[in-house]
């Protein structure tokens, strides 16, 4: 049989499988099962992926919740746009909105305390990349992503959009403080 010429018999799947070919198919199947088991294991025991909750929402509902938290827990404003810095008490819900081309508000958390971080986008797909902590989530409009976070290191963290969202995508950077 030649790779260039068509087979003499058109029903190729009725031909017996060679022993070497069967061995490679078995190896590939076993490797696929091993990789599948490793993905589950990394998620459960390796703490490689964030376990998030996701709910449907509307921009109006989420904006109202975020505004309520900003009104209640704002401690100061920063940047030229007077972006509020929100310092909620430990154990509370914290809201962050992604929209062209900003993250709102700036969040200030306490080291060692647990919070529920709620994220959504009002317009396009955005990324939430917390650097240098290497937390990475895609934020989709119409969905509220909830992440349980317990900061274990004090410092100033950058929130970077890593999903291309338009001409000023490179300026979409927010902040998160851990005290």
C-alpha atoms as a PDB file:
ATOM      1  CA  UNK A   1       0.000   0.000   0.000  1.00  0.00           C
ATOM      2  CA  UNK A   2       1.273   3.490  -0.835  1.00  0.00           C
ATOM      3  CA  UNK A   3       0.572   6.750   0.967  1.00  0.00           C
ATOM      4  CA  UNK A   4       0.203   8.560  -2.362  1.00  0.00           C
ATOM      5  CA  UNK A   5      -2.079   6.160  -4.190  1.00  0.00           C
ATOM      6  CA  UNK A   6      -5.599   5.429  -2.948  1.00  0.00           C
ATOM      7  CA  UNK A   7      -6.055   2.070  -1.226  1.00  0.00           C
ATOM      8  CA  UNK A   8      -7.196  -0.851  -3.317  1.00  0.00           C
ATOM      9  CA  UNK A   9     -10.117  -1.399  -0.979  1.00  0.00           C
ATOM     10  CA  UNK A  10     -12.014   1.749   0.021  1.00  0.00           C
ATOM     11  CA  UNK A  11     -13.133   0.419   3.417  1.00  0.00           C
ATOM     12  CA  UNK A  12      -9.834   0.973   5.241  1.00  0.00           C
ATOM     13  CA  UNK A  13     -11.341   0.380   8.664  1.00  0.00           C
ATOM     14  CA  UNK A  14     -12.067  -3.264   7.821  1.00  0.00           C
ATOM     15  CA  UNK A  15      -8.376  -4.069   7.500  1.00  0.00           C
ATOM     16  CA  UNK A  16      -6.797  -5.714  10.553  1.00  0.00           C
ATOM     17  CA  UNK A  17      -4.712  -3.497  12.814  1.00  0.00           C
ATOM     18  CA  UNK A  18      -1.022  -4.241  12.884  1.00  0.00           C
ATOM     19  CA  UNK A  19       0.433  -5.206  16.270  1.00  0.00           C
ATOM     20  CA  UNK A  20       2.682  -2.105  16.447  1.00  0.00           C
ATOM     21  CA  UNK A  21      -0.227   0.164  15.519  1.00  0.00           C
ATOM     22  CA  UNK A  22      -2.417  -1.419  18.222  1.00  0.00           C
ATOM     23  CA  UNK A  23       0.366  -0.942  20.765  1.00  0.00           C
ATOM     24  CA  UNK A  24       0.604   2.788  19.968  1.00  0.00           C
ATOM     25  CA  UNK A  25      -3.175   3.185  20.178  1.00  0.00           C
ATOM     26  CA  UNK A  26      -3.151   1.494  23.610  1.00  0.00           C
ATOM     27  CA  UNK A  27      -0.263   3.704  24.803  1.00  0.00           C
ATOM     28  CA  UNK A  28      -2.094   6.843  23.603  1.00  0.00           C
ATOM     29  CA  UNK A  29      -5.309   5.777  25.358  1.00  0.00           C
ATOM     30  CA  UNK A  30      -3.506   5.040  28.622  1.00  0.00           C
ATOM     31  CA  UNK A  31      -1.651   8.374  28.433  1.00  0.00           C
ATOM     32  CA  UNK A  32      -4.958  10.241  27.889  1.00  0.00           C
ATOM     33  CA  UNK A  33      -6.435   8.595  30.977  1.00  0.00           C
ATOM     34  CA  UNK A  34      -3.327   9.436  33.038  1.00  0.00           C
ATOM     35  CA  UNK A  35      -3.467  13.094  31.942  1.00  0.00           C
ATOM     36  CA  UNK A  36      -7.180  13.288  32.746  1.00  0.00           C
ATOM     37  CA  UNK A  37      -6.538  11.902  36.236  1.00  0.00           C
ATOM     38  CA  UNK A  38      -3.667  14.369  36.716  1.00  0.00           C
ATOM     39  CA  UNK A  39      -5.891  17.355  35.830  1.00  0.00           C
ATOM     40  CA  UNK A  40      -8.398  16.304  38.483  1.00  0.00           C
ATOM     41  CA  UNK A  41      -5.608  15.652  40.979  1.00  0.00           C
ATOM     42  CA  UNK A  42      -3.949  19.030  40.377  1.00  0.00           C
ATOM     43  CA  UNK A  43      -7.232  20.786  40.976  1.00  0.00           C
ATOM     44  CA  UNK A  44      -8.105  18.895  44.153  1.00  0.00           C
ATOM     45  CA  UNK A  45      -4.695  18.421  45.805  1.00  0.00           C
ATOM     46  CA  UNK A  46      -2.307  20.704  43.955  1.00  0.00           C
ATOM     47  CA  UNK A  47      -4.178  23.961  44.490  1.00  0.00           C
ATOM     48  CA  UNK A  48      -3.299  24.902  40.907  1.00  0.00           C
ATOM     49  CA  UNK A  49      -6.730  26.241  39.949  1.00  0.00           C
ATOM     50  CA  UNK A  50      -9.082  28.571  41.734  1.00  0.00           C
ATOM     51  CA  UNK A  51     -12.447  27.196  42.687  1.00  0.00           C
ATOM     52  CA  UNK A  52     -14.890  29.915  41.718  1.00  0.00           C
ATOM     53  CA  UNK A  53     -18.616  30.300  41.906  1.00  0.00           C
ATOM     54  CA  UNK A  54     -20.323  31.871  38.912  1.00  0.00           C
ATOM     55  CA  UNK A  55     -23.787  33.408  38.768  1.00  0.00           C
ATOM     56  CA  UNK A  56     -25.760  35.203  36.083  1.00  0.00           C
ATOM     57  CA  UNK A  57     -26.149  38.912  36.692  1.00  0.00           C
ATOM     58  CA  UNK A  58     -26.971  42.141  34.911  1.00  0.00           C
ATOM     59  CA  UNK A  59     -24.812  45.267  34.793  1.00  0.00           C
ATOM     60  CA  UNK A  60     -27.446  47.189  36.756  1.00  0.00           C
ATOM     61  CA  UNK A  61     -27.674  44.647  39.619  1.00  0.00           C
ATOM     62  CA  UNK A  62     -23.915  44.235  39.949  1.00  0.00           C
ATOM     63  CA  UNK A  63     -23.242  47.975  39.746  1.00  0.00           C
ATOM     64  CA  UNK A  64     -25.798  48.583  42.502  1.00  0.00           C
ATOM     65  CA  UNK A  65     -24.093  46.013  44.780  1.00  0.00           C
ATOM     66  CA  UNK A  66     -20.649  47.440  44.048  1.00  0.00           C
ATOM     67  CA  UNK A  67     -21.831  51.006  44.638  1.00  0.00           C
ATOM     68  CA  UNK A  68     -23.346  50.001  47.995  1.00  0.00           C
ATOM     69  CA  UNK A  69     -20.001  48.543  49.122  1.00  0.00           C
ATOM     70  CA  UNK A  70     -18.135  51.625  47.865  1.00  0.00           C
ATOM     71  CA  UNK A  71     -20.549  53.966  49.685  1.00  0.00           C
ATOM     72  CA  UNK A  72     -20.199  51.999  52.915  1.00  0.00           C
ATOM     73  CA  UNK A  73     -16.459  51.196  53.040  1.00  0.00           C
ATOM     74  CA  UNK A  74     -14.576  53.927  51.129  1.00  0.00           C
ATOM     75  CA  UNK A  75     -11.544  55.150  53.099  1.00  0.00           C
ATOM     76  CA  UNK A  76      -9.985  57.538  50.550  1.00  0.00           C
ATOM     77  CA  UNK A  77      -9.679  58.240  46.848  1.00  0.00           C
ATOM     78  CA  UNK A  78      -6.658  57.880  44.582  1.00  0.00           C
ATOM     79  CA  UNK A  79      -5.615  58.566  40.980  1.00  0.00           C
ATOM     80  CA  UNK A  80      -6.546  61.517  38.818  1.00  0.00           C
ATOM     81  CA  UNK A  81     -10.050  60.076  38.386  1.00  0.00           C
ATOM     82  CA  UNK A  82     -10.648  60.008  42.175  1.00  0.00           C
ATOM     83  CA  UNK A  83     -11.067  56.233  42.195  1.00  0.00           C
ATOM     84  CA  UNK A  84     -12.365  55.125  45.598  1.00  0.00           C
ATOM     85  CA  UNK A  85     -10.239  52.865  47.789  1.00  0.00           C
ATOM     86  CA  UNK A  86     -12.515  50.394  49.570  1.00  0.00           C
ATOM     87  CA  UNK A  87     -11.442  48.693  52.825  1.00  0.00           C
ATOM     88  CA  UNK A  88     -14.211  46.254  53.809  1.00  0.00           C
ATOM     89  CA  UNK A  89     -14.143  44.338  57.087  1.00  0.00           C
ATOM     90  CA  UNK A  90     -12.801  40.761  57.055  1.00  0.00           C
ATOM     91  CA  UNK A  91     -15.292  38.139  55.941  1.00  0.00           C
ATOM     92  CA  UNK A  92     -17.274  40.536  53.797  1.00  0.00           C
ATOM     93  CA  UNK A  93     -18.057  40.615  50.099  1.00  0.00           C
ATOM     94  CA  UNK A  94     -15.863  42.849  47.932  1.00  0.00           C
ATOM     95  CA  UNK A  95     -16.926  43.945  44.450  1.00  0.00           C
ATOM     96  CA  UNK A  96     -14.751  44.916  41.493  1.00  0.00           C
ATOM     97  CA  UNK A  97     -16.019  46.023  38.088  1.00  0.00           C
ATOM     98  CA  UNK A  98     -14.046  45.705  34.857  1.00  0.00           C
ATOM     99  CA  UNK A  99     -14.997  48.049  32.026  1.00  0.00           C
ATOM    100  CA  UNK A 100     -13.268  49.864  29.208  1.00  0.00           C
ATOM    101  CA  UNK A 101     -10.404  50.529  30.273  1.00  0.00           C
ATOM    102  CA  UNK A 102     -10.352  50.364  34.032  1.00  0.00           C
ATOM    103  CA  UNK A 103     -10.965  48.325  37.162  1.00  0.00           C
ATOM    104  CA  UNK A 104     -13.189  49.974  39.763  1.00  0.00           C
ATOM    105  CA  UNK A 105     -12.727  50.416  42.754  1.00  0.00           C
ATOM    106  CA  UNK A 106      -9.287  49.970  44.289  1.00  0.00           C
ATOM    107  CA  UNK A 107      -9.480  47.363  47.054  1.00  0.00           C
ATOM    108  CA  UNK A 108      -7.610  47.288  50.371  1.00  0.00           C
ATOM    109  CA  UNK A 109      -7.603  43.977  52.279  1.00  0.00           C
ATOM    110  CA  UNK A 110      -6.058  42.768  55.530  1.00  0.00           C
ATOM    111  CA  UNK A 111      -3.347  40.114  55.515  1.00  0.00           C
ATOM    112  CA  UNK A 112      -4.537  36.711  56.766  1.00  0.00           C
ATOM    113  CA  UNK A 113      -8.239  37.600  56.602  1.00  0.00           C
ATOM    114  CA  UNK A 114     -10.707  35.940  54.215  1.00  0.00           C
ATOM    115  CA  UNK A 115     -12.898  37.835  51.746  1.00  0.00           C
ATOM    116  CA  UNK A 116     -15.234  36.974  48.906  1.00  0.00           C
ATOM    117  CA  UNK A 117     -14.165  38.860  45.781  1.00  0.00           C
ATOM    118  CA  UNK A 118     -16.967  39.384  43.240  1.00  0.00           C
ATOM    119  CA  UNK A 119     -15.937  40.244  39.675  1.00  0.00           C
ATOM    120  CA  UNK A 120     -17.848  41.116  36.514  1.00  0.00           C
ATOM    121  CA  UNK A 121     -17.431  43.004  33.274  1.00  0.00           C
ATOM    122  CA  UNK A 122     -19.907  45.600  32.086  1.00  0.00           C
ATOM    123  CA  UNK A 123     -18.985  45.554  28.400  1.00  0.00           C
ATOM    124  CA  UNK A 124     -16.508  43.044  26.915  1.00  0.00           C
ATOM    125  CA  UNK A 125     -14.511  40.020  28.026  1.00  0.00           C
ATOM    126  CA  UNK A 126     -11.712  41.158  30.308  1.00  0.00           C
ATOM    127  CA  UNK A 127      -9.017  39.341  32.190  1.00  0.00           C
ATOM    128  CA  UNK A 128      -8.309  39.572  35.919  1.00  0.00           C
ATOM    129  CA  UNK A 129      -4.636  38.864  36.413  1.00  0.00           C
ATOM    130  CA  UNK A 130      -3.371  39.612  39.926  1.00  0.00           C
ATOM    131  CA  UNK A 131       0.377  40.160  39.743  1.00  0.00           C
ATOM    132  CA  UNK A 132       2.730  38.914  41.140  1.00  0.00           C
ATOM    133  CA  UNK A 133       0.376  36.391  42.800  1.00  0.00           C
ATOM    134  CA  UNK A 134      -0.364  34.745  39.424  1.00  0.00           C
ATOM    135  CA  UNK A 135      -4.146  34.590  39.864  1.00  0.00           C
ATOM    136  CA  UNK A 136      -5.784  34.597  36.458  1.00  0.00           C
ATOM    137  CA  UNK A 137      -9.508  34.633  35.628  1.00  0.00           C
ATOM    138  CA  UNK A 138     -11.455  35.547  32.527  1.00  0.00           C
ATOM    139  CA  UNK A 139     -14.270  37.975  33.384  1.00  0.00           C
ATOM    140  CA  UNK A 140     -17.310  37.596  31.147  1.00  0.00           C
ATOM    141  CA  UNK A 141     -20.163  40.127  30.869  1.00  0.00           C
ATOM    142  CA  UNK A 142     -23.421  38.898  32.363  1.00  0.00           C
ATOM    143  CA  UNK A 143     -21.682  36.625  34.875  1.00  0.00           C
ATOM    144  CA  UNK A 144     -20.601  37.306  38.454  1.00  0.00           C
ATOM    145  CA  UNK A 145     -17.440  35.404  39.370  1.00  0.00           C
ATOM    146  CA  UNK A 146     -16.928  34.882  43.115  1.00  0.00           C
ATOM    147  CA  UNK A 147     -13.495  33.970  44.462  1.00  0.00           C
ATOM    148  CA  UNK A 148     -12.670  33.324  48.106  1.00  0.00           C
ATOM    149  CA  UNK A 149      -9.333  34.994  48.832  1.00  0.00           C
ATOM    150  CA  UNK A 150      -7.120  35.031  51.911  1.00  0.00           C
ATOM    151  CA  UNK A 151      -4.111  37.283  51.248  1.00  0.00           C
ATOM    152  CA  UNK A 152      -0.988  35.885  52.908  1.00  0.00           C
ATOM    153  CA  UNK A 153       1.505  38.602  51.951  1.00  0.00           C
ATOM    154  CA  UNK A 154       1.297  42.350  52.460  1.00  0.00           C
ATOM    155  CA  UNK A 155       2.020  44.643  49.550  1.00  0.00           C
ATOM    156  CA  UNK A 156       0.659  46.461  46.531  1.00  0.00           C
ATOM    157  CA  UNK A 157      -0.644  44.204  43.769  1.00  0.00           C
ATOM    158  CA  UNK A 158      -1.423  45.123  40.191  1.00  0.00           C
ATOM    159  CA  UNK A 159      -4.633  43.945  38.574  1.00  0.00           C
ATOM    160  CA  UNK A 160      -3.984  43.600  34.858  1.00  0.00           C
ATOM    161  CA  UNK A 161      -6.416  42.882  32.030  1.00  0.00           C
ATOM    162  CA  UNK A 162      -4.943  40.069  29.954  1.00  0.00           C
ATOM    163  CA  UNK A 163      -7.813  39.681  27.447  1.00  0.00           C
ATOM    164  CA  UNK A 164      -7.486  42.112  24.546  1.00  0.00           C
ATOM    165  CA  UNK A 165     -10.353  44.574  24.993  1.00  0.00           C
ATOM    166  CA  UNK A 166      -9.654  47.364  22.551  1.00  0.00           C
ATOM    167  CA  UNK A 167      -7.280  50.141  21.641  1.00  0.00           C
ATOM    168  CA  UNK A 168      -6.482  51.195  25.244  1.00  0.00           C
ATOM    169  CA  UNK A 169      -6.160  47.638  26.561  1.00  0.00           C
ATOM    170  CA  UNK A 170      -2.557  48.336  27.590  1.00  0.00           C
ATOM    171  CA  UNK A 171      -3.752  51.001  30.064  1.00  0.00           C
ATOM    172  CA  UNK A 172      -6.237  48.723  31.862  1.00  0.00           C
ATOM    173  CA  UNK A 173      -4.461  48.301  35.184  1.00  0.00           C
ATOM    174  CA  UNK A 174      -6.017  48.369  38.651  1.00  0.00           C
ATOM    175  CA  UNK A 175      -4.681  48.057  42.184  1.00  0.00           C
ATOM    176  CA  UNK A 176      -5.208  45.890  45.238  1.00  0.00           C
ATOM    177  CA  UNK A 177      -3.549  46.640  48.568  1.00  0.00           C
ATOM    178  CA  UNK A 178      -2.881  44.121  51.326  1.00  0.00           C
ATOM    179  CA  UNK A 179      -2.081  45.655  54.730  1.00  0.00           C
END
